[in-house]
């Protein structure tokens, strides 16, 4: 089974916002990503562009929905 993920492989955390430069998730979200339900993952993913814009961050790599195989 595959897991929806916004991960772009650019895993660096912005010290001011606490968001990943590649995907916009927090460390806590990244850490629990495999344990949360698909609906919650999709909800978080839907809000990532606005979250990053609000923090003044641009994605380090163009956004793309990818699948991560467990």
PDB file of N, CA and C in Angstrom:
ATOM      1  N   UNK A   1       0.851  -1.180   0.000  1.00  0.00           N
ATOM      2  CA  UNK A   1       0.000   0.000   0.000  1.00  0.00           C
ATOM      3  C   UNK A   1       0.894   1.239   0.000  1.00  0.00           C
ATOM      4  N   UNK A   2       0.543   2.237  -0.784  1.00  0.00           N
ATOM      5  CA  UNK A   2       1.324   3.464  -0.837  1.00  0.00           C
ATOM      6  C   UNK A   2       0.665   4.553   0.015  1.00  0.00           C
ATOM      7  N   UNK A   3       1.479   5.507   0.413  1.00  0.00           N
ATOM      8  CA  UNK A   3       1.038   6.596   1.278  1.00  0.00           C
ATOM      9  C   UNK A   3       1.200   7.912   0.521  1.00  0.00           C
ATOM     10  N   UNK A   4       0.147   8.737   0.525  1.00  0.00           N
ATOM     11  CA  UNK A   4       0.226  10.067  -0.085  1.00  0.00           C
ATOM     12  C   UNK A   4       1.242  10.900   0.684  1.00  0.00           C
ATOM     13  N   UNK A   5       2.070  11.616  -0.051  1.00  0.00           N
ATOM     14  CA  UNK A   5       3.066  12.447   0.609  1.00  0.00           C
ATOM     15  C   UNK A   5       3.408  13.668  -0.243  1.00  0.00           C
ATOM     16  N   UNK A   6       3.622  14.804   0.396  1.00  0.00           N
ATOM     17  CA  UNK A   6       4.053  15.988  -0.337  1.00  0.00           C
ATOM     18  C   UNK A   6       5.574  16.101  -0.389  1.00  0.00           C
ATOM     19  N   UNK A   7       6.278  15.116   0.156  1.00  0.00           N
ATOM     20  CA  UNK A   7       7.737  15.173   0.253  1.00  0.00           C
ATOM     21  C   UNK A   7       8.364  15.360  -1.119  1.00  0.00           C
ATOM     22  N   UNK A   8       9.297  16.301  -1.194  1.00  0.00           N
ATOM     23  CA  UNK A   8      10.015  16.568  -2.438  1.00  0.00           C
ATOM     24  C   UNK A   8      11.464  16.124  -2.335  1.00  0.00           C
ATOM     25  N   UNK A   9      11.856  15.589  -1.187  1.00  0.00           N
ATOM     26  CA  UNK A   9      13.225  15.161  -0.992  1.00  0.00           C
ATOM     27  C   UNK A   9      14.163  16.280  -0.561  1.00  0.00           C
ATOM     28  N   UNK A  10      13.618  17.462  -0.334  1.00  0.00           N
ATOM     29  CA  UNK A  10      14.402  18.594   0.160  1.00  0.00           C
ATOM     30  C   UNK A  10      13.992  18.785   1.616  1.00  0.00           C
ATOM     31  N   UNK A  11      14.711  18.143   2.496  1.00  0.00           N
ATOM     32  CA  UNK A  11      14.301  18.095   3.895  1.00  0.00           C
ATOM     33  C   UNK A  11      15.160  19.017   4.753  1.00  0.00           C
ATOM     34  N   UNK A  12      14.821  20.291   4.716  1.00  0.00           N
ATOM     35  CA  UNK A  12      15.475  21.271   5.572  1.00  0.00           C
ATOM     36  C   UNK A  12      14.395  22.106   6.232  1.00  0.00           C
ATOM     37  N   UNK A  13      14.567  22.353   7.508  1.00  0.00           N
ATOM     38  CA  UNK A  13      13.561  23.080   8.286  1.00  0.00           C
ATOM     39  C   UNK A  13      13.947  24.550   8.393  1.00  0.00           C
ATOM     40  N   UNK A  14      13.004  25.421   8.076  1.00  0.00           N
ATOM     41  CA  UNK A  14      13.188  26.855   8.230  1.00  0.00           C
ATOM     42  C   UNK A  14      13.156  27.176   9.721  1.00  0.00           C
ATOM     43  N   UNK A  15      14.212  27.787  10.257  1.00  0.00           N
ATOM     44  CA  UNK A  15      14.251  28.029  11.701  1.00  0.00           C
ATOM     45  C   UNK A  15      13.197  29.018  12.201  1.00  0.00           C
ATOM     46  N   UNK A  16      12.757  29.944  11.369  1.00  0.00           N
ATOM     47  CA  UNK A  16      11.756  30.921  11.817  1.00  0.00           C
ATOM     48  C   UNK A  16      10.356  30.338  11.850  1.00  0.00           C
ATOM     49  N   UNK A  17       9.967  29.644  10.795  1.00  0.00           N
ATOM     50  CA  UNK A  17       8.597  29.134  10.717  1.00  0.00           C
ATOM     51  C   UNK A  17       8.452  27.723  11.255  1.00  0.00           C
ATOM     52  N   UNK A  18       9.545  26.951  11.277  1.00  0.00           N
ATOM     53  CA  UNK A  18       9.466  25.559  11.689  1.00  0.00           C
ATOM     54  C   UNK A  18       8.936  24.649  10.598  1.00  0.00           C
ATOM     55  N   UNK A  19       8.846  25.168   9.370  1.00  0.00           N
ATOM     56  CA  UNK A  19       8.314  24.392   8.248  1.00  0.00           C
ATOM     57  C   UNK A  19       9.444  23.876   7.369  1.00  0.00           C
ATOM     58  N   UNK A  20       9.220  22.718   6.782  1.00  0.00           N
ATOM     59  CA  UNK A  20      10.178  22.149   5.842  1.00  0.00           C
ATOM     60  C   UNK A  20      10.168  22.982   4.559  1.00  0.00           C
ATOM     61  N   UNK A  21      11.355  23.320   4.057  1.00  0.00           N
ATOM     62  CA  UNK A  21      11.462  24.085   2.809  1.00  0.00           C
ATOM     63  C   UNK A  21      10.941  23.294   1.611  1.00  0.00           C
ATOM     64  N   UNK A  22      11.007  21.991   1.662  1.00  0.00           N
ATOM     65  CA  UNK A  22      10.583  21.172   0.536  1.00  0.00           C
ATOM     66  C   UNK A  22       9.088  20.934   0.472  1.00  0.00           C
ATOM     67  N   UNK A  23       8.455  20.699   1.625  1.00  0.00           N
ATOM     68  CA  UNK A  23       7.042  20.313   1.595  1.00  0.00           C
ATOM     69  C   UNK A  23       6.117  21.196   2.421  1.00  0.00           C
ATOM     70  N   UNK A  24       6.668  21.941   3.382  1.00  0.00           N
ATOM     71  CA  UNK A  24       5.829  22.812   4.200  1.00  0.00           C
ATOM     72  C   UNK A  24       5.277  22.175   5.459  1.00  0.00           C
ATOM     73  N   UNK A  25       5.634  20.919   5.714  1.00  0.00           N
ATOM     74  CA  UNK A  25       5.161  20.278   6.946  1.00  0.00           C
ATOM     75  C   UNK A  25       6.068  20.635   8.118  1.00  0.00           C
ATOM     76  N   UNK A  26       5.516  20.479   9.323  1.00  0.00           N
ATOM     77  CA  UNK A  26       6.306  20.643  10.538  1.00  0.00           C
ATOM     78  C   UNK A  26       7.028  19.333  10.835  1.00  0.00           C
ATOM     79  N   UNK A  27       8.005  19.384  11.722  1.00  0.00           N
ATOM     80  CA  UNK A  27       8.694  18.153  12.118  1.00  0.00           C
ATOM     81  C   UNK A  27       7.731  17.147  12.740  1.00  0.00           C
ATOM     82  N   UNK A  28       6.790  17.629  13.530  1.00  0.00           N
ATOM     83  CA  UNK A  28       5.813  16.739  14.162  1.00  0.00           C
ATOM     84  C   UNK A  28       4.967  16.034  13.107  1.00  0.00           C
ATOM     85  N   UNK A  29       4.539  16.761  12.081  1.00  0.00           N
ATOM     86  CA  UNK A  29       3.751  16.147  11.010  1.00  0.00           C
ATOM     87  C   UNK A  29       4.570  15.120  10.246  1.00  0.00           C
ATOM     88  N   UNK A  30       5.821  15.470   9.952  1.00  0.00           N
ATOM     89  CA  UNK A  30       6.690  14.543   9.236  1.00  0.00           C
ATOM     90  C   UNK A  30       6.875  13.265  10.051  1.00  0.00           C
ATOM     91  N   UNK A  31       7.102  13.408  11.342  1.00  0.00           N
ATOM     92  CA  UNK A  31       7.351  12.256  12.211  1.00  0.00           C
ATOM     93  C   UNK A  31       6.165  11.303  12.296  1.00  0.00           C
ATOM     94  N   UNK A  32       4.959  11.835  12.269  1.00  0.00           N
ATOM     95  CA  UNK A  32       3.784  10.955  12.425  1.00  0.00           C
ATOM     96  C   UNK A  32       3.085  10.644  11.106  1.00  0.00           C
ATOM     97  N   UNK A  33       3.641  11.077   9.991  1.00  0.00           N
ATOM     98  CA  UNK A  33       2.993  10.975   8.694  1.00  0.00           C
ATOM     99  C   UNK A  33       2.500   9.560   8.373  1.00  0.00           C
ATOM    100  N   UNK A  34       3.291   8.571   8.632  1.00  0.00           N
ATOM    101  CA  UNK A  34       2.908   7.189   8.318  1.00  0.00           C
ATOM    102  C   UNK A  34       1.823   6.627   9.210  1.00  0.00           C
ATOM    103  N   UNK A  35       1.557   7.267  10.329  1.00  0.00           N
ATOM    104  CA  UNK A  35       0.558   6.771  11.268  1.00  0.00           C
ATOM    105  C   UNK A  35      -0.798   7.456  11.139  1.00  0.00           C
ATOM    106  N   UNK A  36      -0.886   8.551  10.407  1.00  0.00           N
ATOM    107  CA  UNK A  36      -2.171   9.250  10.322  1.00  0.00           C
ATOM    108  C   UNK A  36      -2.986   8.730   9.141  1.00  0.00           C
ATOM    109  N   UNK A  37      -4.269   8.899   9.236  1.00  0.00           N
ATOM    110  CA  UNK A  37      -5.200   8.425   8.210  1.00  0.00           C
ATOM    111  C   UNK A  37      -5.057   9.222   6.915  1.00  0.00           C
ATOM    112  N   UNK A  38      -5.386   8.587   5.833  1.00  0.00           N
ATOM    113  CA  UNK A  38      -5.291   9.197   4.508  1.00  0.00           C
ATOM    114  C   UNK A  38      -6.053  10.520   4.429  1.00  0.00           C
ATOM    115  N   UNK A  39      -7.241  10.585   4.984  1.00  0.00           N
ATOM    116  CA  UNK A  39      -8.046  11.809   4.917  1.00  0.00           C
ATOM    117  C   UNK A  39      -7.337  12.976   5.596  1.00  0.00           C
ATOM    118  N   UNK A  40      -6.698  12.717   6.724  1.00  0.00           N
ATOM    119  CA  UNK A  40      -5.970  13.781   7.417  1.00  0.00           C
ATOM    120  C   UNK A  40      -4.735  14.186   6.613  1.00  0.00           C
ATOM    121  N   UNK A  41      -4.029  13.210   6.035  1.00  0.00           N
ATOM    122  CA  UNK A  41      -2.869  13.540   5.195  1.00  0.00           C
ATOM    123  C   UNK A  41      -3.291  14.436   4.039  1.00  0.00           C
ATOM    124  N   UNK A  42      -4.373  14.079   3.362  1.00  0.00           N
ATOM    125  CA  UNK A  42      -4.848  14.879   2.229  1.00  0.00           C
ATOM    126  C   UNK A  42      -5.269  16.275   2.665  1.00  0.00           C
ATOM    127  N   UNK A  43      -5.863  16.383   3.838  1.00  0.00           N
ATOM    128  CA  UNK A  43      -6.269  17.681   4.367  1.00  0.00           C
ATOM    129  C   UNK A  43      -5.045  18.553   4.641  1.00  0.00           C
ATOM    130  N   UNK A  44      -4.040  17.970   5.267  1.00  0.00           N
ATOM    131  CA  UNK A  44      -2.809  18.718   5.537  1.00  0.00           C
ATOM    132  C   UNK A  44      -2.168  19.146   4.221  1.00  0.00           C
ATOM    133  N   UNK A  45      -2.097  18.233   3.258  1.00  0.00           N
ATOM    134  CA  UNK A  45      -1.481  18.535   1.973  1.00  0.00           C
ATOM    135  C   UNK A  45      -2.192  19.675   1.261  1.00  0.00           C
ATOM    136  N   UNK A  46      -3.501  19.730   1.376  1.00  0.00           N
ATOM    137  CA  UNK A  46      -4.277  20.789   0.721  1.00  0.00           C
ATOM    138  C   UNK A  46      -3.924  22.166   1.277  1.00  0.00           C
ATOM    139  N   UNK A  47      -3.550  22.228   2.538  1.00  0.00           N
ATOM    140  CA  UNK A  47      -3.238  23.505   3.160  1.00  0.00           C
ATOM    141  C   UNK A  47      -1.781  23.925   3.078  1.00  0.00           C
ATOM    142  N   UNK A  48      -0.915  23.069   2.571  1.00  0.00           N
ATOM    143  CA  UNK A  48       0.513  23.379   2.564  1.00  0.00           C
ATOM    144  C   UNK A  48       0.889  24.594   1.718  1.00  0.00           C
ATOM    145  N   UNK A  49       0.352  24.767   0.512  1.00  0.00           N
ATOM    146  CA  UNK A  49       0.734  25.963  -0.255  1.00  0.00           C
ATOM    147  C   UNK A  49       0.407  27.270   0.474  1.00  0.00           C
ATOM    148  N   UNK A  50      -0.763  27.352   1.076  1.00  0.00           N
ATOM    149  CA  UNK A  50      -1.136  28.570   1.815  1.00  0.00           C
ATOM    150  C   UNK A  50      -0.259  28.745   3.040  1.00  0.00           C
ATOM    151  N   UNK A  51       0.040  27.670   3.711  1.00  0.00           N
ATOM    152  CA  UNK A  51       0.895  27.713   4.902  1.00  0.00           C
ATOM    153  C   UNK A  51       2.277  28.254   4.538  1.00  0.00           C
ATOM    154  N   UNK A  52       2.825  27.758   3.438  1.00  0.00           N
ATOM    155  CA  UNK A  52       4.155  28.210   3.030  1.00  0.00           C
ATOM    156  C   UNK A  52       4.127  29.669   2.572  1.00  0.00           C
ATOM    157  N   UNK A  53       3.071  30.048   1.874  1.00  0.00           N
ATOM    158  CA  UNK A  53       2.948  31.442   1.427  1.00  0.00           C
ATOM    159  C   UNK A  53       2.848  32.377   2.625  1.00  0.00           C
ATOM    160  N   UNK A  54       2.087  31.994   3.620  1.00  0.00           N
ATOM    161  CA  UNK A  54       1.931  32.805   4.825  1.00  0.00           C
ATOM    162  C   UNK A  54       3.261  32.969   5.558  1.00  0.00           C
ATOM    163  N   UNK A  55       4.098  31.933   5.510  1.00  0.00           N
ATOM    164  CA  UNK A  55       5.406  31.987   6.168  1.00  0.00           C
ATOM    165  C   UNK A  55       6.462  32.657   5.292  1.00  0.00           C
ATOM    166  N   UNK A  56       6.076  33.008   4.045  1.00  0.00           N
ATOM    167  CA  UNK A  56       7.018  33.649   3.141  1.00  0.00           C
ATOM    168  C   UNK A  56       8.025  32.693   2.542  1.00  0.00           C
ATOM    169  N   UNK A  57       7.661  31.419   2.471  1.00  0.00           N
ATOM    170  CA  UNK A  57       8.554  30.401   1.919  1.00  0.00           C
ATOM    171  C   UNK A  57       8.090  29.986   0.533  1.00  0.00           C
ATOM    172  N   UNK A  58       9.047  29.622  -0.292  1.00  0.00           N
ATOM    173  CA  UNK A  58       8.741  29.030  -1.590  1.00  0.00           C
ATOM    174  C   UNK A  58       9.266  27.616  -1.557  1.00  0.00           C
ATOM    175  N   UNK A  59       8.584  26.722  -2.211  1.00  0.00           N
ATOM    176  CA  UNK A  59       9.050  25.337  -2.255  1.00  0.00           C
ATOM    177  C   UNK A  59      10.410  25.275  -2.921  1.00  0.00           C
ATOM    178  N   UNK A  60      11.297  24.496  -2.346  1.00  0.00           N
ATOM    179  CA  UNK A  60      12.646  24.352  -2.884  1.00  0.00           C
ATOM    180  C   UNK A  60      12.631  23.564  -4.192  1.00  0.00           C
ATOM    181  N   UNK A  61      11.610  22.752  -4.379  1.00  0.00           N
ATOM    182  CA  UNK A  61      11.424  21.948  -5.585  1.00  0.00           C
ATOM    183  C   UNK A  61       9.960  22.103  -5.965  1.00  0.00           C
ATOM    184  N   UNK A  62       9.618  22.179  -7.249  1.00  0.00           N
ATOM    185  CA  UNK A  62       8.208  22.308  -7.623  1.00  0.00           C
ATOM    186  C   UNK A  62       7.343  21.235  -6.962  1.00  0.00           C
ATOM    187  N   UNK A  63       6.181  21.655  -6.470  1.00  0.00           N
ATOM    188  CA  UNK A  63       5.276  20.747  -5.799  1.00  0.00           C
ATOM    189  C   UNK A  63       4.741  19.687  -6.739  1.00  0.00           C
ATOM    190  N   UNK A  64       4.681  18.471  -6.247  1.00  0.00           N
ATOM    191  CA  UNK A  64       4.097  17.376  -7.009  1.00  0.00           C
ATOM    192  C   UNK A  64       3.604  16.339  -6.025  1.00  0.00           C
ATOM    193  N   UNK A  65       2.445  15.835  -6.272  1.00  0.00           N
ATOM    194  CA  UNK A  65       1.961  14.751  -5.429  1.00  0.00           C
ATOM    195  C   UNK A  65       2.690  13.497  -5.836  1.00  0.00           C
ATOM    196  N   UNK A  66       3.314  12.891  -4.866  1.00  0.00           N
ATOM    197  CA  UNK A  66       4.054  11.662  -5.135  1.00  0.00           C
ATOM    198  C   UNK A  66       3.561  10.582  -4.201  1.00  0.00           C
ATOM    199  N   UNK A  67       3.939   9.380  -4.477  1.00  0.00           N
ATOM    200  CA  UNK A  67       3.585   8.268  -3.626  1.00  0.00           C
ATOM    201  C   UNK A  67       4.846   7.733  -2.986  1.00  0.00           C
ATOM    202  N   UNK A  68       4.775   7.420  -1.737  1.00  0.00           N
ATOM    203  CA  UNK A  68       5.888   6.831  -1.009  1.00  0.00           C
ATOM    204  C   UNK A  68       5.502   5.396  -0.686  1.00  0.00           C
ATOM    205  N   UNK A  69       6.290   4.471  -1.160  1.00  0.00           N
ATOM    206  CA  UNK A  69       6.021   3.071  -0.865  1.00  0.00           C
ATOM    207  C   UNK A  69       6.580   2.746   0.520  1.00  0.00           C
ATOM    208  N   UNK A  70       5.768   2.105   1.360  1.00  0.00           N
ATOM    209  CA  UNK A  70       6.247   1.780   2.714  1.00  0.00           C
ATOM    210  C   UNK A  70       7.340   0.737   2.696  1.00  0.00           C
TER     211      UNK A  70
END
